[in-house]
Amino acid sequence: MSFINTLSIGTVLATLAGWFPAMAALASLVWTCIRIFETRTVQTWLSTRQRHR
């Protein structure tokens, strides 16, 4: 029984490892966009744009 449990855990880890690079890339992209959005330059652009409306 423990061999089957070990095999099951290994299968789950292998499946997650296959998805991990894509998920990490997406998380990195989102984090970079947030950091760019929070920069002083972008915030200045946005506040100037809102004043002209």
Protein backbone atom coordinates (compact mmCIF):
# COMPACT_ATOMS: atom_id res chain seq x y z
CA MET A 1 0.00 0.00 0.00
CA SER A 2 2.77 2.50 0.77
CA PHE A 3 4.30 1.90 -2.69
CA ILE A 4 1.01 2.95 -4.28
CA ASN A 5 0.84 6.04 -2.07
CA THR A 6 4.42 6.95 -3.01
CA LEU A 7 3.64 6.45 -6.68
CA SER A 8 0.54 8.62 -6.34
CA ILE A 9 2.47 11.45 -4.68
CA GLY A 10 5.17 11.19 -7.36
CA THR A 11 2.53 11.48 -10.08
CA VAL A 12 1.01 14.55 -8.46
CA LEU A 13 4.44 16.20 -8.10
CA ALA A 14 5.34 15.42 -11.71
CA THR A 15 2.06 16.94 -12.88
CA LEU A 16 2.62 20.07 -10.80
CA ALA A 17 6.21 20.35 -12.04
CA GLY A 18 4.92 20.35 -15.60
CA TRP A 19 2.59 23.25 -14.84
CA PHE A 20 4.96 25.15 -12.59
CA PRO A 21 7.08 26.91 -15.25
CA ALA A 22 4.01 28.32 -17.00
CA MET A 23 2.47 29.45 -13.72
CA ALA A 24 5.75 31.01 -12.59
CA ALA A 25 6.07 32.90 -15.87
CA LEU A 26 2.53 34.22 -15.56
CA ALA A 27 3.09 35.28 -11.95
CA SER A 28 6.30 37.03 -12.98
CA LEU A 29 4.51 38.87 -15.78
CA VAL A 30 1.73 40.03 -13.45
CA TRP A 31 4.24 41.12 -10.79
CA THR A 32 6.27 43.10 -13.35
CA CYS A 33 3.12 44.85 -14.62
CA ILE A 34 2.15 45.79 -11.07
CA ARG A 35 5.63 47.16 -10.39
CA ILE A 36 5.55 49.23 -13.58
CA PHE A 37 2.07 50.53 -12.76
CA GLU A 38 3.25 51.64 -9.31
CA THR A 39 6.23 53.64 -10.59
CA ARG A 40 6.19 57.38 -10.06
CA THR A 41 6.30 58.03 -13.81
CA VAL A 42 3.18 55.99 -14.58
CA GLN A 43 1.35 57.41 -11.58
CA THR A 44 2.18 60.93 -12.77
CA TRP A 45 0.88 60.12 -16.25
CA LEU A 46 -2.32 58.73 -14.80
CA SER A 47 -2.93 61.66 -12.46
CA THR A 48 -2.30 64.15 -15.30
CA ARG A 49 -4.66 62.24 -17.54
CA GLN A 50 -7.41 62.24 -14.91
CA ARG A 51 -7.10 66.01 -14.37
CA HIS A 52 -7.73 66.64 -18.06
CA ARG A 53 -11.06 64.80 -18.03
